């Protein structure tokens, strides 16, 4: 079993061989065989997908911003 306290700092980004799908009910919003898994101390794993694997037409823009000391403003 993995522990978030064993993950590295700064974060590590690694390719995953898993197929990652994002669904809302029966609607597939994203489907990728080339995702990356990001591991960071005290945080659950996060998957990053290429915009090419995401149904961008189903997303809406927002004015909300977040900040990360490693990734910057998003």
PDB file of N, CA and C in Angstrom:
ATOM      1  N   UNK A   1       0.840  -1.176   0.000  1.00  0.00           N
ATOM      2  CA  UNK A   1       0.000   0.000   0.000  1.00  0.00           C
ATOM      3  C   UNK A   1       0.887   1.242   0.000  1.00  0.00           C
ATOM      4  N   UNK A   2       0.512   2.210  -0.804  1.00  0.00           N
ATOM      5  CA  UNK A   2       1.262   3.468  -0.879  1.00  0.00           C
ATOM      6  C   UNK A   2       0.834   4.415   0.236  1.00  0.00           C
ATOM      7  N   UNK A   3       1.754   5.234   0.662  1.00  0.00           N
ATOM      8  CA  UNK A   3       1.456   6.286   1.625  1.00  0.00           C
ATOM      9  C   UNK A   3       1.850   7.625   1.012  1.00  0.00           C
ATOM     10  N   UNK A   4       0.970   8.621   1.122  1.00  0.00           N
ATOM     11  CA  UNK A   4       1.286   9.944   0.571  1.00  0.00           C
ATOM     12  C   UNK A   4       2.494  10.560   1.272  1.00  0.00           C
ATOM     13  N   UNK A   5       2.830  10.078   2.449  1.00  0.00           N
ATOM     14  CA  UNK A   5       3.985  10.613   3.185  1.00  0.00           C
ATOM     15  C   UNK A   5       5.298  10.068   2.638  1.00  0.00           C
ATOM     16  N   UNK A   6       5.215   9.025   1.794  1.00  0.00           N
ATOM     17  CA  UNK A   6       6.414   8.479   1.153  1.00  0.00           C
ATOM     18  C   UNK A   6       6.690   9.118  -0.205  1.00  0.00           C
ATOM     19  N   UNK A   7       5.777   9.948  -0.694  1.00  0.00           N
ATOM     20  CA  UNK A   7       5.958  10.583  -1.997  1.00  0.00           C
ATOM     21  C   UNK A   7       7.013  11.682  -1.899  1.00  0.00           C
ATOM     22  N   UNK A   8       7.671  12.001  -3.006  1.00  0.00           N
ATOM     23  CA  UNK A   8       8.803  12.944  -2.985  1.00  0.00           C
ATOM     24  C   UNK A   8       8.392  14.417  -2.913  1.00  0.00           C
ATOM     25  N   UNK A   9       9.355  15.210  -2.529  1.00  0.00           N
ATOM     26  CA  UNK A   9       9.236  16.663  -2.590  1.00  0.00           C
ATOM     27  C   UNK A   9      10.574  17.176  -3.069  1.00  0.00           C
ATOM     28  N   UNK A  10      10.687  17.855  -4.173  1.00  0.00           N
ATOM     29  CA  UNK A  10       9.592  18.282  -5.053  1.00  0.00           C
ATOM     30  C   UNK A  10       8.911  17.086  -5.722  1.00  0.00           C
ATOM     31  N   UNK A  11       7.734  17.336  -6.310  1.00  0.00           N
ATOM     32  CA  UNK A  11       6.940  16.259  -6.900  1.00  0.00           C
ATOM     33  C   UNK A  11       7.678  15.510  -8.008  1.00  0.00           C
ATOM     34  N   UNK A  12       7.248  14.275  -8.218  1.00  0.00           N
ATOM     35  CA  UNK A  12       7.770  13.459  -9.312  1.00  0.00           C
ATOM     36  C   UNK A  12       6.645  13.223 -10.310  1.00  0.00           C
ATOM     37  N   UNK A  13       6.966  13.345 -11.585  1.00  0.00           N
ATOM     38  CA  UNK A  13       6.011  13.128 -12.673  1.00  0.00           C
ATOM     39  C   UNK A  13       6.468  11.893 -13.433  1.00  0.00           C
ATOM     40  N   UNK A  14       5.578  10.902 -13.542  1.00  0.00           N
ATOM     41  CA  UNK A  14       5.952   9.662 -14.215  1.00  0.00           C
ATOM     42  C   UNK A  14       4.848   9.224 -15.168  1.00  0.00           C
ATOM     43  N   UNK A  15       5.215   8.691 -16.325  1.00  0.00           N
ATOM     44  CA  UNK A  15       4.186   8.180 -17.230  1.00  0.00           C
ATOM     45  C   UNK A  15       3.505   6.971 -16.595  1.00  0.00           C
ATOM     46  N   UNK A  16       2.247   6.774 -16.901  1.00  0.00           N
ATOM     47  CA  UNK A  16       1.531   5.601 -16.408  1.00  0.00           C
ATOM     48  C   UNK A  16       1.077   4.756 -17.590  1.00  0.00           C
ATOM     49  N   UNK A  17       1.105   3.463 -17.419  1.00  0.00           N
ATOM     50  CA  UNK A  17       0.649   2.557 -18.480  1.00  0.00           C
ATOM     51  C   UNK A  17      -0.858   2.312 -18.393  1.00  0.00           C
ATOM     52  N   UNK A  18      -1.498   2.861 -17.364  1.00  0.00           N
ATOM     53  CA  UNK A  18      -2.936   2.677 -17.179  1.00  0.00           C
ATOM     54  C   UNK A  18      -3.736   3.527 -18.151  1.00  0.00           C
ATOM     55  N   UNK A  19      -4.877   3.022 -18.551  1.00  0.00           N
ATOM     56  CA  UNK A  19      -5.827   3.820 -19.331  1.00  0.00           C
ATOM     57  C   UNK A  19      -6.617   4.658 -18.329  1.00  0.00           C
ATOM     58  N   UNK A  20      -6.661   5.950 -18.551  1.00  0.00           N
ATOM     59  CA  UNK A  20      -7.366   6.864 -17.655  1.00  0.00           C
ATOM     60  C   UNK A  20      -8.581   7.413 -18.388  1.00  0.00           C
ATOM     61  N   UNK A  21      -9.752   7.231 -17.783  1.00  0.00           N
ATOM     62  CA  UNK A  21     -10.990   7.792 -18.329  1.00  0.00           C
ATOM     63  C   UNK A  21     -11.627   8.694 -17.288  1.00  0.00           C
ATOM     64  N   UNK A  22     -12.201   9.794 -17.768  1.00  0.00           N
ATOM     65  CA  UNK A  22     -12.981  10.697 -16.926  1.00  0.00           C
ATOM     66  C   UNK A  22     -14.400  10.640 -17.463  1.00  0.00           C
ATOM     67  N   UNK A  23     -15.340  10.299 -16.577  1.00  0.00           N
ATOM     68  CA  UNK A  23     -16.738  10.142 -16.993  1.00  0.00           C
ATOM     69  C   UNK A  23     -17.662  10.978 -16.115  1.00  0.00           C
ATOM     70  N   UNK A  24     -18.738  11.393 -16.721  1.00  0.00           N
ATOM     71  CA  UNK A  24     -19.853  11.998 -16.000  1.00  0.00           C
ATOM     72  C   UNK A  24     -21.064  11.187 -16.419  1.00  0.00           C
ATOM     73  N   UNK A  25     -21.485  10.272 -15.568  1.00  0.00           N
ATOM     74  CA  UNK A  25     -22.522   9.327 -15.963  1.00  0.00           C
ATOM     75  C   UNK A  25     -21.975   8.451 -17.071  1.00  0.00           C
ATOM     76  N   UNK A  26     -22.686   8.379 -18.180  1.00  0.00           N
ATOM     77  CA  UNK A  26     -22.249   7.587 -19.334  1.00  0.00           C
ATOM     78  C   UNK A  26     -21.383   8.391 -20.307  1.00  0.00           C
ATOM     79  N   UNK A  27     -21.278   9.694 -20.087  1.00  0.00           N
ATOM     80  CA  UNK A  27     -20.530  10.569 -20.988  1.00  0.00           C
ATOM     81  C   UNK A  27     -19.031  10.496 -20.691  1.00  0.00           C
ATOM     82  N   UNK A  28     -18.235  10.154 -21.693  1.00  0.00           N
ATOM     83  CA  UNK A  28     -16.778  10.117 -21.529  1.00  0.00           C
ATOM     84  C   UNK A  28     -16.225  11.500 -21.858  1.00  0.00           C
ATOM     85  N   UNK A  29     -15.646  12.143 -20.855  1.00  0.00           N
ATOM     86  CA  UNK A  29     -15.097  13.486 -21.014  1.00  0.00           C
ATOM     87  C   UNK A  29     -13.633  13.433 -21.444  1.00  0.00           C
ATOM     88  N   UNK A  30     -12.912  12.420 -20.972  1.00  0.00           N
ATOM     89  CA  UNK A  30     -11.502  12.249 -21.342  1.00  0.00           C
ATOM     90  C   UNK A  30     -11.172  10.767 -21.379  1.00  0.00           C
ATOM     91  N   UNK A  31     -10.257  10.413 -22.271  1.00  0.00           N
ATOM     92  CA  UNK A  31      -9.845   9.017 -22.434  1.00  0.00           C
ATOM     93  C   UNK A  31      -8.398   9.022 -22.919  1.00  0.00           C
ATOM     94  N   UNK A  32      -7.491   8.488 -22.097  1.00  0.00           N
ATOM     95  CA  UNK A  32      -6.069   8.579 -22.442  1.00  0.00           C
ATOM     96  C   UNK A  32      -5.308   7.303 -22.099  1.00  0.00           C
ATOM     97  N   UNK A  33      -4.402   6.940 -22.982  1.00  0.00           N
ATOM     98  CA  UNK A  33      -3.439   5.863 -22.735  1.00  0.00           C
ATOM     99  C   UNK A  33      -2.036   6.434 -22.566  1.00  0.00           C
ATOM    100  N   UNK A  34      -1.939   7.757 -22.428  1.00  0.00           N
ATOM    101  CA  UNK A  34      -0.620   8.405 -22.319  1.00  0.00           C
ATOM    102  C   UNK A  34      -0.612   9.478 -21.227  1.00  0.00           C
ATOM    103  N   UNK A  35      -1.283   9.178 -20.130  1.00  0.00           N
ATOM    104  CA  UNK A  35      -1.365  10.116 -19.011  1.00  0.00           C
ATOM    105  C   UNK A  35      -0.080  10.085 -18.178  1.00  0.00           C
ATOM    106  N   UNK A  36       0.079  11.103 -17.366  1.00  0.00           N
ATOM    107  CA  UNK A  36       1.180  11.173 -16.411  1.00  0.00           C
ATOM    108  C   UNK A  36       0.606  11.195 -15.007  1.00  0.00           C
ATOM    109  N   UNK A  37       1.298  10.537 -14.102  1.00  0.00           N
ATOM    110  CA  UNK A  37       0.910  10.489 -12.695  1.00  0.00           C
ATOM    111  C   UNK A  37       1.894  11.355 -11.924  1.00  0.00           C
ATOM    112  N   UNK A  38       1.369  12.272 -11.120  1.00  0.00           N
ATOM    113  CA  UNK A  38       2.215  13.169 -10.337  1.00  0.00           C
ATOM    114  C   UNK A  38       2.095  12.790  -8.863  1.00  0.00           C
ATOM    115  N   UNK A  39       3.255  12.605  -8.233  1.00  0.00           N
ATOM    116  CA  UNK A  39       3.321  12.231  -6.820  1.00  0.00           C
ATOM    117  C   UNK A  39       4.011  13.343  -6.049  1.00  0.00           C
ATOM    118  N   UNK A  40       3.363  13.780  -4.965  1.00  0.00           N
ATOM    119  CA  UNK A  40       3.922  14.853  -4.138  1.00  0.00           C
ATOM    120  C   UNK A  40       3.608  14.558  -2.679  1.00  0.00           C
ATOM    121  N   UNK A  41       4.583  14.781  -1.812  1.00  0.00           N
ATOM    122  CA  UNK A  41       4.418  14.521  -0.387  1.00  0.00           C
ATOM    123  C   UNK A  41       3.113  15.106   0.141  1.00  0.00           C
ATOM    124  N   UNK A  42       2.369  14.294   0.859  1.00  0.00           N
ATOM    125  CA  UNK A  42       1.120  14.633   1.561  1.00  0.00           C
ATOM    126  C   UNK A  42      -0.069  14.903   0.641  1.00  0.00           C
ATOM    127  N   UNK A  43       0.069  14.631  -0.664  1.00  0.00           N
ATOM    128  CA  UNK A  43      -1.038  14.819  -1.604  1.00  0.00           C
ATOM    129  C   UNK A  43      -1.371  13.494  -2.280  1.00  0.00           C
ATOM    130  N   UNK A  44      -2.646  13.261  -2.569  1.00  0.00           N
ATOM    131  CA  UNK A  44      -2.981  12.053  -3.325  1.00  0.00           C
ATOM    132  C   UNK A  44      -2.431  12.155  -4.744  1.00  0.00           C
ATOM    133  N   UNK A  45      -2.185  11.021  -5.398  1.00  0.00           N
ATOM    134  CA  UNK A  45      -1.706  11.060  -6.784  1.00  0.00           C
ATOM    135  C   UNK A  45      -2.691  11.808  -7.682  1.00  0.00           C
ATOM    136  N   UNK A  46      -2.149  12.519  -8.655  1.00  0.00           N
ATOM    137  CA  UNK A  46      -2.954  13.275  -9.613  1.00  0.00           C
ATOM    138  C   UNK A  46      -2.538  12.831 -11.005  1.00  0.00           C
ATOM    139  N   UNK A  47      -3.505  12.696 -11.894  1.00  0.00           N
ATOM    140  CA  UNK A  47      -3.214  12.323 -13.277  1.00  0.00           C
ATOM    141  C   UNK A  47      -3.353  13.544 -14.170  1.00  0.00           C
ATOM    142  N   UNK A  48      -2.377  13.737 -15.050  1.00  0.00           N
ATOM    143  CA  UNK A  48      -2.408  14.820 -16.028  1.00  0.00           C
ATOM    144  C   UNK A  48      -2.584  14.206 -17.406  1.00  0.00           C
ATOM    145  N   UNK A  49      -3.528  14.759 -18.177  1.00  0.00           N
ATOM    146  CA  UNK A  49      -3.835  14.259 -19.510  1.00  0.00           C
ATOM    147  C   UNK A  49      -3.581  15.347 -20.535  1.00  0.00           C
ATOM    148  N   UNK A  50      -3.231  14.935 -21.728  1.00  0.00           N
ATOM    149  CA  UNK A  50      -3.041  15.865 -22.835  1.00  0.00           C
ATOM    150  C   UNK A  50      -4.393  16.451 -23.246  1.00  0.00           C
ATOM    151  N   UNK A  51      -4.452  17.742 -23.582  1.00  0.00           N
ATOM    152  CA  UNK A  51      -5.709  18.315 -24.087  1.00  0.00           C
ATOM    153  C   UNK A  51      -6.252  17.547 -25.289  1.00  0.00           C
ATOM    154  N   UNK A  52      -5.375  16.898 -26.048  1.00  0.00           N
ATOM    155  CA  UNK A  52      -5.822  16.118 -27.211  1.00  0.00           C
ATOM    156  C   UNK A  52      -6.675  14.918 -26.794  1.00  0.00           C
ATOM    157  N   UNK A  53      -6.570  14.492 -25.534  1.00  0.00           N
ATOM    158  CA  UNK A  53      -7.326  13.347 -25.031  1.00  0.00           C
ATOM    159  C   UNK A  53      -8.572  13.762 -24.249  1.00  0.00           C
ATOM    160  N   UNK A  54      -8.861  15.047 -24.243  1.00  0.00           N
ATOM    161  CA  UNK A  54      -9.983  15.588 -23.472  1.00  0.00           C
ATOM    162  C   UNK A  54     -11.003  16.204 -24.411  1.00  0.00           C
ATOM    163  N   UNK A  55     -12.273  15.970 -24.143  1.00  0.00           N
ATOM    164  CA  UNK A  55     -13.347  16.604 -24.918  1.00  0.00           C
ATOM    165  C   UNK A  55     -13.474  18.055 -24.447  1.00  0.00           C
ATOM    166  N   UNK A  56     -12.621  18.915 -24.979  1.00  0.00           N
ATOM    167  CA  UNK A  56     -12.579  20.310 -24.552  1.00  0.00           C
ATOM    168  C   UNK A  56     -13.894  21.032 -24.817  1.00  0.00           C
ATOM    169  N   UNK A  57     -14.669  20.562 -25.802  1.00  0.00           N
ATOM    170  CA  UNK A  57     -15.959  21.181 -26.112  1.00  0.00           C
ATOM    171  C   UNK A  57     -16.972  20.993 -24.986  1.00  0.00           C
ATOM    172  N   UNK A  58     -16.693  20.095 -24.042  1.00  0.00           N
ATOM    173  CA  UNK A  58     -17.603  19.852 -22.927  1.00  0.00           C
ATOM    174  C   UNK A  58     -17.238  20.667 -21.687  1.00  0.00           C
ATOM    175  N   UNK A  59     -16.118  21.383 -21.742  1.00  0.00           N
ATOM    176  CA  UNK A  59     -15.652  22.155 -20.590  1.00  0.00           C
ATOM    177  C   UNK A  59     -16.021  23.621 -20.726  1.00  0.00           C
ATOM    178  N   UNK A  60     -16.114  24.301 -19.588  1.00  0.00           N
ATOM    179  CA  UNK A  60     -16.422  25.732 -19.562  1.00  0.00           C
ATOM    180  C   UNK A  60     -15.268  26.486 -18.914  1.00  0.00           C
ATOM    181  N   UNK A  61     -14.971  27.648 -19.437  1.00  0.00           N
ATOM    182  CA  UNK A  61     -13.942  28.510 -18.844  1.00  0.00           C
ATOM    183  C   UNK A  61     -14.443  29.047 -17.506  1.00  0.00           C
ATOM    184  N   UNK A  62     -13.509  29.334 -16.607  1.00  0.00           N
ATOM    185  CA  UNK A  62     -13.843  29.908 -15.311  1.00  0.00           C
ATOM    186  C   UNK A  62     -12.831  31.009 -14.990  1.00  0.00           C
ATOM    187  N   UNK A  63     -13.195  31.906 -14.122  1.00  0.00           N
ATOM    188  CA  UNK A  63     -12.274  32.974 -13.727  1.00  0.00           C
ATOM    189  C   UNK A  63     -11.426  32.556 -12.523  1.00  0.00           C
ATOM    190  N   UNK A  64     -11.667  31.385 -11.977  1.00  0.00           N
ATOM    191  CA  UNK A  64     -10.931  30.915 -10.803  1.00  0.00           C
ATOM    192  C   UNK A  64      -9.480  30.597 -11.166  1.00  0.00           C
ATOM    193  N   UNK A  65      -8.562  30.972 -10.269  1.00  0.00           N
ATOM    194  CA  UNK A  65      -7.143  30.673 -10.451  1.00  0.00           C
ATOM    195  C   UNK A  65      -6.613  29.973  -9.211  1.00  0.00           C
ATOM    196  N   UNK A  66      -5.615  29.123  -9.404  1.00  0.00           N
ATOM    197  CA  UNK A  66      -4.907  28.498  -8.292  1.00  0.00           C
ATOM    198  C   UNK A  66      -3.419  28.746  -8.480  1.00  0.00           C
ATOM    199  N   UNK A  67      -2.662  28.532  -7.412  1.00  0.00           N
ATOM    200  CA  UNK A  67      -1.219  28.720  -7.499  1.00  0.00           C
ATOM    201  C   UNK A  67      -0.513  27.539  -6.835  1.00  0.00           C
ATOM    202  N   UNK A  68       0.546  27.085  -7.469  1.00  0.00           N
ATOM    203  CA  UNK A  68       1.384  26.012  -6.941  1.00  0.00           C
ATOM    204  C   UNK A  68       2.833  26.478  -7.019  1.00  0.00           C
ATOM    205  N   UNK A  69       3.591  26.240  -5.975  1.00  0.00           N
ATOM    206  CA  UNK A  69       4.994  26.687  -5.978  1.00  0.00           C
ATOM    207  C   UNK A  69       5.827  26.003  -7.054  1.00  0.00           C
ATOM    208  N   UNK A  70       5.380  24.861  -7.570  1.00  0.00           N
ATOM    209  CA  UNK A  70       6.123  24.139  -8.602  1.00  0.00           C
ATOM    210  C   UNK A  70       5.579  24.398 -10.001  1.00  0.00           C
ATOM    211  N   UNK A  71       4.260  24.450 -10.135  1.00  0.00           N
ATOM    212  CA  UNK A  71       3.638  24.590 -11.460  1.00  0.00           C
ATOM    213  C   UNK A  71       3.274  26.032 -11.790  1.00  0.00           C
ATOM    214  N   UNK A  72       3.247  26.892 -10.781  1.00  0.00           N
ATOM    215  CA  UNK A  72       2.892  28.288 -11.021  1.00  0.00           C
ATOM    216  C   UNK A  72       1.389  28.512 -10.993  1.00  0.00           C
ATOM    217  N   UNK A  73       0.936  29.523 -11.723  1.00  0.00           N
ATOM    218  CA  UNK A  73      -0.477  29.914 -11.743  1.00  0.00           C
ATOM    219  C   UNK A  73      -1.230  29.073 -12.766  1.00  0.00           C
ATOM    220  N   UNK A  74      -2.417  28.646 -12.381  1.00  0.00           N
ATOM    221  CA  UNK A  74      -3.263  27.861 -13.293  1.00  0.00           C
ATOM    222  C   UNK A  74      -4.689  28.364 -13.235  1.00  0.00           C
TER     223      UNK A  74
END
